[in-house]
Amino acid sequence: MDLGATGIQLLSETPTYYLFARDNLVALVERTPGGCGSIGGTGILTERGLAYLVWRDGQAFLAGKGFEQPASPEQAAAVRTFSADLKAAVAGSEAGGTSP
């Protein structure tokens, strides 16, 4: 998997998961014998902790343990872009059967 052009970094790995990040965005990806499996939800690190993008009545929010705050359009776009870039990189890994 080539992450160089995406700016995504492999931060950590365990026998069952990879942890990827770019800027203040993070996601876990399942580690499989063939490389990468399913992708978890993208989280964004905020001043109050890890939060996930949720939508209610057309409004974007960042929701975390014990808090919820409106998400800016830039934050929502960053989560979507990171998720799409990571999905594309993981798809390349699955096709090639290689690890990050």
Protein backbone atom coordinates (compact mmCIF):
# COMPACT_ATOMS: atom_id res chain seq x y z
CA MET A 1 0.00 0.00 0.00
CA ASP A 2 1.39 3.39 -0.98
CA LEU A 3 0.29 6.03 1.52
CA GLY A 4 2.92 8.63 0.57
CA ALA A 5 0.80 10.68 -1.81
CA THR A 6 -2.18 10.73 0.59
CA GLY A 7 -0.37 12.15 3.59
CA ILE A 8 -1.83 9.30 5.64
CA GLN A 9 0.53 7.69 8.12
CA LEU A 10 0.51 4.28 9.76
CA LEU A 11 0.76 5.18 13.46
CA SER A 12 0.53 1.78 15.08
CA GLU A 13 -0.34 -1.83 14.45
CA THR A 14 -1.46 -4.79 16.52
CA PRO A 15 -2.00 -8.39 15.45
CA THR A 16 -5.59 -7.48 14.47
CA TYR A 17 -5.64 -3.75 13.57
CA TYR A 18 -3.74 -0.91 11.91
CA LEU A 19 -4.13 2.68 13.16
CA PHE A 20 -3.91 5.30 10.41
CA ALA A 21 -3.91 9.10 10.78
CA ARG A 22 -3.64 12.34 8.86
CA ASP A 23 -3.57 15.64 10.71
CA ASN A 24 -6.15 15.25 13.51
CA LEU A 25 -8.07 12.40 11.83
CA VAL A 26 -7.70 8.72 12.79
CA ALA A 27 -9.19 5.38 11.77
CA LEU A 28 -8.68 1.73 12.64
CA VAL A 29 -8.42 -0.80 9.82
CA GLU A 30 -8.78 -4.52 10.32
CA ARG A 31 -5.57 -6.46 9.73
CA THR A 32 -6.05 -9.64 7.70
CA PRO A 33 -3.68 -12.29 6.32
CA GLY A 34 -4.08 -10.64 2.89
CA GLY A 35 -3.38 -7.10 4.12
CA CYS A 36 -6.27 -4.85 5.16
CA GLY A 37 -9.90 -5.68 5.86
CA SER A 38 -12.79 -3.51 6.93
CA ILE A 39 -12.32 0.13 7.87
CA GLY A 40 -13.72 1.57 11.09
CA GLY A 41 -15.29 4.99 11.36
CA THR A 42 -13.04 8.02 11.01
CA GLY A 43 -12.59 9.95 14.23
CA ILE A 44 -11.42 13.51 14.64
CA LEU A 45 -9.34 14.58 17.63
CA THR A 46 -10.83 17.69 19.23
CA GLU A 47 -9.97 19.73 22.31
CA ARG A 48 -12.48 17.56 24.20
CA GLY A 49 -11.28 14.18 22.92
CA LEU A 50 -12.06 11.80 20.08
CA ALA A 51 -15.28 12.53 18.21
CA TYR A 52 -17.13 11.06 15.26
CA LEU A 53 -19.05 12.88 12.56
CA VAL A 54 -22.80 12.35 12.87
CA TRP A 55 -25.68 13.96 10.99
CA ARG A 56 -28.99 15.07 12.49
CA ASP A 57 -31.64 16.83 10.45
CA GLY A 58 -29.08 17.80 7.81
CA GLN A 59 -26.70 19.31 10.41
CA ALA A 60 -23.20 17.87 10.99
CA PHE A 61 -22.06 17.30 14.58
CA LEU A 62 -18.94 15.92 16.23
CA ALA A 63 -20.02 13.49 18.94
CA GLY A 64 -17.73 12.02 21.55
CA LYS A 65 -17.94 10.57 25.03
CA GLY A 66 -19.86 13.12 27.09
CA PHE A 67 -20.00 15.86 24.45
CA GLU A 68 -21.42 16.93 21.14
CA GLN A 69 -20.62 20.05 19.16
CA PRO A 70 -21.54 21.39 15.73
CA ALA A 71 -19.04 20.41 13.04
CA SER A 72 -17.75 23.06 10.70
CA PRO A 73 -18.09 22.47 6.95
CA GLU A 74 -14.28 22.15 6.83
CA GLN A 75 -14.29 19.44 9.52
CA ALA A 76 -17.02 17.48 7.76
CA ALA A 77 -15.17 17.74 4.43
CA ALA A 78 -11.88 16.66 6.05
CA VAL A 79 -13.51 13.54 7.53
CA ARG A 80 -15.09 12.62 4.18
CA THR A 81 -11.83 13.18 2.26
CA PHE A 82 -9.71 11.22 4.73
CA SER A 83 -12.20 8.33 4.69
CA ALA A 84 -12.24 8.25 0.88
CA ASP A 85 -8.44 8.43 0.62
CA LEU A 86 -7.99 5.66 3.20
CA LYS A 87 -10.61 3.50 1.47
CA ALA A 88 -8.79 3.89 -1.86
CA ALA A 89 -5.44 3.01 -0.27
CA VAL A 90 -6.91 -0.03 1.49
CA ALA A 91 -8.59 -1.18 -1.72
CA GLY A 92 -5.16 -1.10 -3.37
CA SER A 93 -3.79 -3.21 -0.53
CA GLU A 94 -6.58 -5.80 -0.87
CA ALA A 95 -6.04 -6.05 -4.62
CA GLY A 96 -2.31 -6.51 -4.19
CA GLY A 97 -2.54 -8.57 -1.02
CA THR A 98 0.14 -6.49 0.67
CA SER A 99 0.37 -4.95 4.10
CA PRO A 100 0.99 -1.23 4.65
